[in-house]
Amino acid sequence: MKISLSPDLERLIAEKVSSGRYRSADEVVREGLELLQERENETHRPPSNGTANLAESFANIATDVPCEDWESVPADLSKNLDHHLYGGQKTS
């Protein structure tokens, strides 16, 4: 396989090899590709609480909120969100 790299990337690879941390340019590129693959896998992972469903995720988070905190949430929060967040006019 033949690839083309910008001079900046070639310089970066050379610096990594000359630092002694890597033995070859292949090793630097291989590690970079492995990190890319890890990052790609992270973006396709379900939420960290193990649920694939957003509603389930919120339900799991809600169980960690103390009851007294839930009691302080206004009953009309969804209806008057702008009022409670920004001080806008309250709807009936």
PDB file of N, CA and C in Angstrom:
ATOM      1  N   MET A   1       0.846  -1.168   0.000  1.00  0.00           N
ATOM      2  CA  MET A   1       0.000   0.000   0.000  1.00  0.00           C
ATOM      3  C   MET A   1       0.894   1.233   0.000  1.00  0.00           C
ATOM      4  N   LYS A   2       0.528   2.185  -0.807  1.00  0.00           N
ATOM      5  CA  LYS A   2       1.272   3.431  -0.853  1.00  0.00           C
ATOM      6  C   LYS A   2       0.342   4.559  -0.438  1.00  0.00           C
ATOM      7  N   ILE A   3       0.817   5.417   0.491  1.00  0.00           N
ATOM      8  CA  ILE A   3       0.015   6.553   0.946  1.00  0.00           C
ATOM      9  C   ILE A   3       0.832   7.830   0.803  1.00  0.00           C
ATOM     10  N   SER A   4       0.135   8.924   0.657  1.00  0.00           N
ATOM     11  CA  SER A   4       0.785  10.232   0.576  1.00  0.00           C
ATOM     12  C   SER A   4       0.466  11.006   1.846  1.00  0.00           C
ATOM     13  N   LEU A   5       1.496  11.592   2.421  1.00  0.00           N
ATOM     14  CA  LEU A   5       1.329  12.383   3.642  1.00  0.00           C
ATOM     15  C   LEU A   5       1.836  13.795   3.405  1.00  0.00           C
ATOM     16  N   SER A   6       1.249  14.727   4.128  1.00  0.00           N
ATOM     17  CA  SER A   6       1.720  16.107   4.050  1.00  0.00           C
ATOM     18  C   SER A   6       3.106  16.187   4.704  1.00  0.00           C
ATOM     19  N   PRO A   7       3.884  17.196   4.342  1.00  0.00           N
ATOM     20  CA  PRO A   7       5.197  17.355   4.987  1.00  0.00           C
ATOM     21  C   PRO A   7       5.104  17.457   6.508  1.00  0.00           C
ATOM     22  N   ASP A   8       4.040  18.086   7.012  1.00  0.00           N
ATOM     23  CA  ASP A   8       3.869  18.193   8.468  1.00  0.00           C
ATOM     24  C   ASP A   8       3.700  16.829   9.112  1.00  0.00           C
ATOM     25  N   LEU A   9       2.896  15.959   8.479  1.00  0.00           N
ATOM     26  CA  LEU A   9       2.698  14.623   9.035  1.00  0.00           C
ATOM     27  C   LEU A   9       3.973  13.794   8.932  1.00  0.00           C
ATOM     28  N   GLU A  10       4.699  13.942   7.838  1.00  0.00           N
ATOM     29  CA  GLU A  10       5.971  13.221   7.696  1.00  0.00           C
ATOM     30  C   GLU A  10       6.943  13.663   8.785  1.00  0.00           C
ATOM     31  N   ARG A  11       6.976  14.965   9.058  1.00  0.00           N
ATOM     32  CA  ARG A  11       7.849  15.503  10.112  1.00  0.00           C
ATOM     33  C   ARG A  11       7.428  14.968  11.482  1.00  0.00           C
ATOM     34  N   LEU A  12       6.137  14.907  11.728  1.00  0.00           N
ATOM     35  CA  LEU A  12       5.638  14.396  13.004  1.00  0.00           C
ATOM     36  C   LEU A  12       6.054  12.938  13.191  1.00  0.00           C
ATOM     37  N   ILE A  13       5.899  12.146  12.165  1.00  0.00           N
ATOM     38  CA  ILE A  13       6.282  10.732  12.248  1.00  0.00           C
ATOM     39  C   ILE A  13       7.778  10.613  12.502  1.00  0.00           C
ATOM     40  N   ALA A  14       8.579  11.398  11.789  1.00  0.00           N
ATOM     41  CA  ALA A  14      10.032  11.368  11.984  1.00  0.00           C
ATOM     42  C   ALA A  14      10.398  11.764  13.406  1.00  0.00           C
ATOM     43  N   GLU A  15       9.721  12.767  13.960  1.00  0.00           N
ATOM     44  CA  GLU A  15       9.981  13.187  15.346  1.00  0.00           C
ATOM     45  C   GLU A  15       9.669  12.066  16.330  1.00  0.00           C
ATOM     46  N   LYS A  16       8.537  11.371  16.104  1.00  0.00           N
ATOM     47  CA  LYS A  16       8.159  10.276  17.007  1.00  0.00           C
ATOM     48  C   LYS A  16       9.180   9.149  16.964  1.00  0.00           C
ATOM     49  N   VAL A  17       9.671   8.848  15.770  1.00  0.00           N
ATOM     50  CA  VAL A  17      10.672   7.781  15.632  1.00  0.00           C
ATOM     51  C   VAL A  17      11.987   8.218  16.271  1.00  0.00           C
ATOM     52  N   SER A  18      12.397   9.474  16.016  1.00  0.00           N
ATOM     53  CA  SER A  18      13.678   9.947  16.571  1.00  0.00           C
ATOM     54  C   SER A  18      13.633  10.102  18.089  1.00  0.00           C
ATOM     55  N   SER A  19      12.428  10.214  18.656  1.00  0.00           N
ATOM     56  CA  SER A  19      12.318  10.325  20.117  1.00  0.00           C
ATOM     57  C   SER A  19      12.675   9.006  20.801  1.00  0.00           C
ATOM     58  N   GLY A  20      12.641   7.932  20.030  1.00  0.00           N
ATOM     59  CA  GLY A  20      12.969   6.626  20.590  1.00  0.00           C
ATOM     60  C   GLY A  20      11.757   5.859  21.078  1.00  0.00           C
ATOM     61  N   ARG A  21      10.632   6.493  21.092  1.00  0.00           N
ATOM     62  CA  ARG A  21       9.427   5.806  21.562  1.00  0.00           C
ATOM     63  C   ARG A  21       8.955   4.763  20.552  1.00  0.00           C
ATOM     64  N   TYR A  22       9.180   5.033  19.265  1.00  0.00           N
ATOM     65  CA  TYR A  22       8.785   4.111  18.199  1.00  0.00           C
ATOM     66  C   TYR A  22      10.023   3.698  17.431  1.00  0.00           C
ATOM     67  N   ARG A  23      10.013   2.468  16.917  1.00  0.00           N
ATOM     68  CA  ARG A  23      11.162   1.961  16.167  1.00  0.00           C
ATOM     69  C   ARG A  23      11.076   2.269  14.684  1.00  0.00           C
ATOM     70  N   SER A  24       9.874   2.551  14.182  1.00  0.00           N
ATOM     71  CA  SER A  24       9.727   2.795  12.751  1.00  0.00           C
ATOM     72  C   SER A  24       8.508   3.657  12.471  1.00  0.00           C
ATOM     73  N   ALA A  25       8.462   4.192  11.255  1.00  0.00           N
ATOM     74  CA  ALA A  25       7.305   4.967  10.826  1.00  0.00           C
ATOM     75  C   ALA A  25       6.067   4.083  10.803  1.00  0.00           C
ATOM     76  N   ASP A  26       6.238   2.821  10.417  1.00  0.00           N
ATOM     77  CA  ASP A  26       5.114   1.888  10.398  1.00  0.00           C
ATOM     78  C   ASP A  26       4.465   1.776  11.779  1.00  0.00           C
ATOM     79  N   GLU A  27       5.311   1.723  12.805  1.00  0.00           N
ATOM     80  CA  GLU A  27       4.794   1.600  14.169  1.00  0.00           C
ATOM     81  C   GLU A  27       3.984   2.835  14.569  1.00  0.00           C
ATOM     82  N   VAL A  28       4.456   4.024  14.186  1.00  0.00           N
ATOM     83  CA  VAL A  28       3.747   5.267  14.493  1.00  0.00           C
ATOM     84  C   VAL A  28       2.389   5.265  13.793  1.00  0.00           C
ATOM     85  N   VAL A  29       2.369   4.936  12.522  1.00  0.00           N
ATOM     86  CA  VAL A  29       1.126   4.936  11.754  1.00  0.00           C
ATOM     87  C   VAL A  29       0.176   3.877  12.289  1.00  0.00           C
ATOM     88  N   ARG A  30       0.701   2.700  12.620  1.00  0.00           N
ATOM     89  CA  ARG A  30      -0.141   1.621  13.154  1.00  0.00           C
ATOM     90  C   ARG A  30      -0.824   2.064  14.444  1.00  0.00           C
ATOM     91  N   GLU A  31      -0.064   2.700  15.358  1.00  0.00           N
ATOM     92  CA  GLU A  31      -0.671   3.149  16.608  1.00  0.00           C
ATOM     93  C   GLU A  31      -1.709   4.235  16.350  1.00  0.00           C
ATOM     94  N   GLY A  32      -1.421   5.140  15.423  1.00  0.00           N
ATOM     95  CA  GLY A  32      -2.391   6.172  15.086  1.00  0.00           C
ATOM     96  C   GLY A  32      -3.684   5.580  14.558  1.00  0.00           C
ATOM     97  N   LEU A  33      -3.574   4.556  13.714  1.00  0.00           N
ATOM     98  CA  LEU A  33      -4.772   3.906  13.176  1.00  0.00           C
ATOM     99  C   LEU A  33      -5.531   3.137  14.253  1.00  0.00           C
ATOM    100  N   GLU A  34      -4.803   2.543  15.193  1.00  0.00           N
ATOM    101  CA  GLU A  34      -5.468   1.847  16.303  1.00  0.00           C
ATOM    102  C   GLU A  34      -6.244   2.836  17.165  1.00  0.00           C
ATOM    103  N   LEU A  35      -5.659   3.999  17.419  1.00  0.00           N
ATOM    104  CA  LEU A  35      -6.363   5.026  18.195  1.00  0.00           C
ATOM    105  C   LEU A  35      -7.592   5.523  17.446  1.00  0.00           C
ATOM    106  N   LEU A  36      -7.477   5.676  16.143  1.00  0.00           N
ATOM    107  CA  LEU A  36      -8.620   6.077  15.333  1.00  0.00           C
ATOM    108  C   LEU A  36      -9.735   5.044  15.430  1.00  0.00           C
ATOM    109  N   GLN A  37      -9.357   3.778  15.368  1.00  0.00           N
ATOM    110  CA  GLN A  37     -10.361   2.716  15.464  1.00  0.00           C
ATOM    111  C   GLN A  37     -11.027   2.712  16.837  1.00  0.00           C
ATOM    112  N   GLU A  38     -10.256   2.925  17.900  1.00  0.00           N
ATOM    113  CA  GLU A  38     -10.833   3.006  19.252  1.00  0.00           C
ATOM    114  C   GLU A  38     -11.827   4.160  19.339  1.00  0.00           C
ATOM    115  N   ARG A  39     -11.460   5.309  18.786  1.00  0.00           N
ATOM    116  CA  ARG A  39     -12.343   6.475  18.825  1.00  0.00           C
ATOM    117  C   ARG A  39     -13.624   6.213  18.042  1.00  0.00           C
ATOM    118  N   GLU A  40     -13.501   5.567  16.896  1.00  0.00           N
ATOM    119  CA  GLU A  40     -14.681   5.218  16.095  1.00  0.00           C
ATOM    120  C   GLU A  40     -15.579   4.256  16.872  1.00  0.00           C
ATOM    121  N   ASN A  41     -14.998   3.305  17.563  1.00  0.00           N
ATOM    122  CA  ASN A  41     -15.783   2.345  18.350  1.00  0.00           C
ATOM    123  C   ASN A  41     -16.500   3.046  19.495  1.00  0.00           C
ATOM    124  N   GLU A  42     -15.876   4.055  20.083  1.00  0.00           N
ATOM    125  CA  GLU A  42     -16.499   4.813  21.168  1.00  0.00           C
ATOM    126  C   GLU A  42     -17.753   5.525  20.687  1.00  0.00           C
ATOM    127  N   THR A  43     -17.740   6.057  19.472  1.00  0.00           N
ATOM    128  CA  THR A  43     -18.893   6.804  18.979  1.00  0.00           C
ATOM    129  C   THR A  43     -20.071   5.896  18.648  1.00  0.00           C
ATOM    130  N   HIS A  44     -19.832   4.602  18.479  1.00  0.00           N
ATOM    131  CA  HIS A  44     -20.904   3.668  18.144  1.00  0.00           C
ATOM    132  C   HIS A  44     -21.329   2.826  19.333  1.00  0.00           C
ATOM    133  N   ARG A  45     -20.819   3.188  20.501  1.00  0.00           N
ATOM    134  CA  ARG A  45     -21.130   2.456  21.718  1.00  0.00           C
ATOM    135  C   ARG A  45     -22.417   2.969  22.337  1.00  0.00           C
ATOM    136  N   PRO A  46     -23.197   2.099  22.960  1.00  0.00           N
ATOM    137  CA  PRO A  46     -24.376   2.580  23.680  1.00  0.00           C
ATOM    138  C   PRO A  46     -23.941   3.432  24.874  1.00  0.00           C
ATOM    139  N   PRO A  47     -24.851   4.168  25.471  1.00  0.00           N
ATOM    140  CA  PRO A  47     -24.491   4.996  26.627  1.00  0.00           C
ATOM    141  C   PRO A  47     -23.774   4.182  27.698  1.00  0.00           C
ATOM    142  N   SER A  48     -22.948   4.852  28.472  1.00  0.00           N
ATOM    143  CA  SER A  48     -22.100   4.159  29.429  1.00  0.00           C
ATOM    144  C   SER A  48     -22.871   3.419  30.517  1.00  0.00           C
ATOM    145  N   ASN A  49     -24.148   3.730  30.688  1.00  0.00           N
ATOM    146  CA  ASN A  49     -24.906   3.011  31.709  1.00  0.00           C
ATOM    147  C   ASN A  49     -25.455   1.690  31.182  1.00  0.00           C
ATOM    148  N   GLY A  50     -25.070   1.322  29.966  1.00  0.00           N
ATOM    149  CA  GLY A  50     -25.423   0.019  29.426  1.00  0.00           C
ATOM    150  C   GLY A  50     -26.749  -0.054  28.704  1.00  0.00           C
ATOM    151  N   THR A  51     -27.472   1.052  28.604  1.00  0.00           N
ATOM    152  CA  THR A  51     -28.750   1.022  27.902  1.00  0.00           C
ATOM    153  C   THR A  51     -28.583   1.629  26.519  1.00  0.00           C
ATOM    154  N   ALA A  52     -29.306   1.101  25.571  1.00  0.00           N
ATOM    155  CA  ALA A  52     -29.238   1.611  24.208  1.00  0.00           C
ATOM    156  C   ALA A  52     -30.350   2.620  23.948  1.00  0.00           C
ATOM    157  N   ASN A  53     -31.243   2.787  24.897  1.00  0.00           N
ATOM    158  CA  ASN A  53     -32.413   3.631  24.727  1.00  0.00           C
ATOM    159  C   ASN A  53     -32.249   4.894  25.561  1.00  0.00           C
ATOM    160  N   LEU A  54     -32.470   6.059  24.957  1.00  0.00           N
ATOM    161  CA  LEU A  54     -32.299   7.324  25.656  1.00  0.00           C
ATOM    162  C   LEU A  54     -33.241   7.448  26.850  1.00  0.00           C
ATOM    163  N   ALA A  55     -34.477   7.020  26.689  1.00  0.00           N
ATOM    164  CA  ALA A  55     -35.444   7.100  27.800  1.00  0.00           C
ATOM    165  C   ALA A  55     -34.973   6.239  28.973  1.00  0.00           C
ATOM    166  N   GLU A  56     -34.440   5.059  28.672  1.00  0.00           N
ATOM    167  CA  GLU A  56     -33.913   4.199  29.742  1.00  0.00           C
ATOM    168  C   GLU A  56     -32.731   4.865  30.430  1.00  0.00           C
ATOM    169  N   SER A  57     -31.892   5.538  29.645  1.00  0.00           N
ATOM    170  CA  SER A  57     -30.739   6.239  30.220  1.00  0.00           C
ATOM    171  C   SER A  57     -31.189   7.299  31.208  1.00  0.00           C
ATOM    172  N   PHE A  58     -32.180   8.108  30.820  1.00  0.00           N
ATOM    173  CA  PHE A  58     -32.698   9.130  31.731  1.00  0.00           C
ATOM    174  C   PHE A  58     -33.336   8.496  32.962  1.00  0.00           C
ATOM    175  N   ALA A  59     -34.052   7.407  32.772  1.00  0.00           N
ATOM    176  CA  ALA A  59     -34.683   6.733  33.910  1.00  0.00           C
ATOM    177  C   ALA A  59     -33.618   6.238  34.886  1.00  0.00           C
ATOM    178  N   ASN A  60     -32.534   5.707  34.364  1.00  0.00           N
ATOM    179  CA  ASN A  60     -31.443   5.238  35.231  1.00  0.00           C
ATOM    180  C   ASN A  60     -30.792   6.393  35.981  1.00  0.00           C
ATOM    181  N   ILE A  61     -30.613   7.504  35.287  1.00  0.00           N
ATOM    182  CA  ILE A  61     -30.025   8.681  35.934  1.00  0.00           C
ATOM    183  C   ILE A  61     -30.970   9.209  37.013  1.00  0.00           C
ATOM    184  N   ALA A  62     -32.266   9.214  36.715  1.00  0.00           N
ATOM    185  CA  ALA A  62     -33.256   9.746  37.654  1.00  0.00           C
ATOM    186  C   ALA A  62     -33.262   8.990  38.973  1.00  0.00           C
ATOM    187  N   THR A  63     -32.925   7.714  38.953  1.00  0.00           N
ATOM    188  CA  THR A  63     -32.913   6.936  40.194  1.00  0.00           C
ATOM    189  C   THR A  63     -31.823   7.414  41.150  1.00  0.00           C
ATOM    190  N   ASP A  64     -30.818   8.111  40.625  1.00  0.00           N
ATOM    191  CA  ASP A  64     -29.729   8.620  41.466  1.00  0.00           C
ATOM    192  C   ASP A  64     -30.051   9.978  42.088  1.00  0.00           C
ATOM    193  N   VAL A  65     -31.151  10.606  41.656  1.00  0.00           N
ATOM    194  CA  VAL A  65     -31.521  11.928  42.181  1.00  0.00           C
ATOM    195  C   VAL A  65     -32.344  11.743  43.444  1.00  0.00           C
ATOM    196  N   PRO A  66     -31.945  12.401  44.540  1.00  0.00           N
ATOM    197  CA  PRO A  66     -32.683  12.262  45.798  1.00  0.00           C
ATOM    198  C   PRO A  66     -34.137  12.751  45.664  1.00  0.00           C
ATOM    199  N   CYS A  67     -35.045  12.141  46.414  1.00  0.00           N
ATOM    200  CA  CYS A  67     -36.470  12.483  46.365  1.00  0.00           C
ATOM    201  C   CYS A  67     -36.709  13.957  46.648  1.00  0.00           C
ATOM    202  N   GLU A  68     -35.999  14.539  47.618  1.00  0.00           N
ATOM    203  CA  GLU A  68     -36.221  15.950  47.949  1.00  0.00           C
ATOM    204  C   GLU A  68     -35.868  16.863  46.764  1.00  0.00           C
ATOM    205  N   ASP A  69     -34.928  16.454  45.918  1.00  0.00           N
ATOM    206  CA  ASP A  69     -34.627  17.242  44.722  1.00  0.00           C
ATOM    207  C   ASP A  69     -35.770  17.155  43.722  1.00  0.00           C
ATOM    208  N   TRP A  70     -36.362  15.964  43.568  1.00  0.00           N
ATOM    209  CA  TRP A  70     -37.500  15.816  42.659  1.00  0.00           C
ATOM    210  C   TRP A  70     -38.695  16.628  43.142  1.00  0.00           C
ATOM    211  N   GLU A  71     -38.861  16.714  44.470  1.00  0.00           N
ATOM    212  CA  GLU A  71     -39.977  17.477  45.024  1.00  0.00           C
ATOM    213  C   GLU A  71     -39.854  18.969  44.736  1.00  0.00           C
ATOM    214  N   SER A  72     -38.622  19.451  44.513  1.00  0.00           N
ATOM    215  CA  SER A  72     -38.435  20.879  44.237  1.00  0.00           C
ATOM    216  C   SER A  72     -38.628  21.226  42.760  1.00  0.00           C
ATOM    217  N   VAL A  73     -38.813  20.211  41.911  1.00  0.00           N
ATOM    218  CA  VAL A  73     -39.047  20.473  40.486  1.00  0.00           C
ATOM    219  C   VAL A  73     -40.494  20.936  40.319  1.00  0.00           C
ATOM    220  N   PRO A  74     -40.704  22.101  39.689  1.00  0.00           N
ATOM    221  CA  PRO A  74     -42.071  22.605  39.516  1.00  0.00           C
ATOM    222  C   PRO A  74     -42.931  21.631  38.705  1.00  0.00           C
ATOM    223  N   ALA A  75     -44.172  21.464  39.104  1.00  0.00           N
ATOM    224  CA  ALA A  75     -45.084  20.538  38.425  1.00  0.00           C
ATOM    225  C   ALA A  75     -45.362  20.982  36.992  1.00  0.00           C
ATOM    226  N   ASP A  76     -45.257  22.289  36.738  1.00  0.00           N
ATOM    227  CA  ASP A  76     -45.534  22.792  35.390  1.00  0.00           C
ATOM    228  C   ASP A  76     -44.243  23.067  34.607  1.00  0.00           C
ATOM    229  N   LEU A  77     -43.179  22.379  34.944  1.00  0.00           N
ATOM    230  CA  LEU A  77     -41.876  22.646  34.320  1.00  0.00           C
ATOM    231  C   LEU A  77     -41.917  22.526  32.803  1.00  0.00           C
ATOM    232  N   SER A  78     -42.489  21.456  32.281  1.00  0.00           N
ATOM    233  CA  SER A  78     -42.482  21.287  30.825  1.00  0.00           C
ATOM    234  C   SER A  78     -43.360  22.326  30.139  1.00  0.00           C
ATOM    235  N   LYS A  79     -44.434  22.714  30.781  1.00  0.00           N
ATOM    236  CA  LYS A  79     -45.364  23.688  30.201  1.00  0.00           C
ATOM    237  C   LYS A  79     -44.786  25.104  30.256  1.00  0.00           C
ATOM    238  N   ASN A  80     -44.031  25.409  31.295  1.00  0.00           N
ATOM    239  CA  ASN A  80     -43.493  26.755  31.506  1.00  0.00           C
ATOM    240  C   ASN A  80     -41.966  26.757  31.579  1.00  0.00           C
ATOM    241  N   LEU A  81     -41.361  26.005  30.704  1.00  0.00           N
ATOM    242  CA  LEU A  81     -39.905  25.875  30.714  1.00  0.00           C
ATOM    243  C   LEU A  81     -39.219  27.232  30.584  1.00  0.00           C
ATOM    244  N   ASP A  82     -39.653  28.057  29.622  1.00  0.00           N
ATOM    245  CA  ASP A  82     -39.036  29.372  29.442  1.00  0.00           C
ATOM    246  C   ASP A  82     -39.170  30.235  30.695  1.00  0.00           C
ATOM    247  N   HIS A  83     -40.291  30.127  31.372  1.00  0.00           N
ATOM    248  CA  HIS A  83     -40.486  30.895  32.606  1.00  0.00           C
ATOM    249  C   HIS A  83     -39.489  30.435  33.675  1.00  0.00           C
ATOM    250  N   HIS A  84     -39.378  29.127  33.859  1.00  0.00           N
ATOM    251  CA  HIS A  84     -38.515  28.602  34.927  1.00  0.00           C
ATOM    252  C   HIS A  84     -37.029  28.743  34.602  1.00  0.00           C
ATOM    253  N   LEU A  85     -36.669  28.695  33.330  1.00  0.00           N
ATOM    254  CA  LEU A  85     -35.260  28.806  32.958  1.00  0.00           C
ATOM    255  C   LEU A  85     -34.827  30.251  32.747  1.00  0.00           C
ATOM    256  N   TYR A  86     -35.664  31.040  32.086  1.00  0.00           N
ATOM    257  CA  TYR A  86     -35.230  32.372  31.671  1.00  0.00           C
ATOM    258  C   TYR A  86     -36.067  33.511  32.236  1.00  0.00           C
ATOM    259  N   GLY A  87     -37.086  33.197  33.027  1.00  0.00           N
ATOM    260  CA  GLY A  87     -37.920  34.238  33.607  1.00  0.00           C
ATOM    261  C   GLY A  87     -38.945  34.789  32.636  1.00  0.00           C
ATOM    262  N   GLY A  88     -39.246  34.053  31.586  1.00  0.00           N
ATOM    263  CA  GLY A  88     -40.252  34.483  30.616  1.00  0.00           C
ATOM    264  C   GLY A  88     -41.650  34.454  31.211  1.00  0.00           C
ATOM    265  N   GLN A  89     -42.606  34.845  30.409  1.00  0.00           N
ATOM    266  CA  GLN A  89     -44.001  34.881  30.856  1.00  0.00           C
ATOM    267  C   GLN A  89     -44.508  33.466  31.096  1.00  0.00           C
ATOM    268  N   LYS A  90     -45.249  33.310  32.183  1.00  0.00           N
ATOM    269  CA  LYS A  90     -45.825  32.025  32.541  1.00  0.00           C
ATOM    270  C   LYS A  90     -47.126  31.809  31.797  1.00  0.00           C
ATOM    271  N   THR A  91     -47.326  30.604  31.282  1.00  0.00           N
ATOM    272  CA  THR A  91     -48.601  30.276  30.639  1.00  0.00           C
ATOM    273  C   THR A  91     -49.521  29.626  31.672  1.00  0.00           C
ATOM    274  N   SER A  92     -50.799  29.662  31.398  1.00  0.00           N
ATOM    275  CA  SER A  92     -51.754  29.150  32.390  1.00  0.00           C
ATOM    276  C   SER A  92     -51.749  27.652  32.484  1.00  0.00           C
TER     277      SER A  92
END
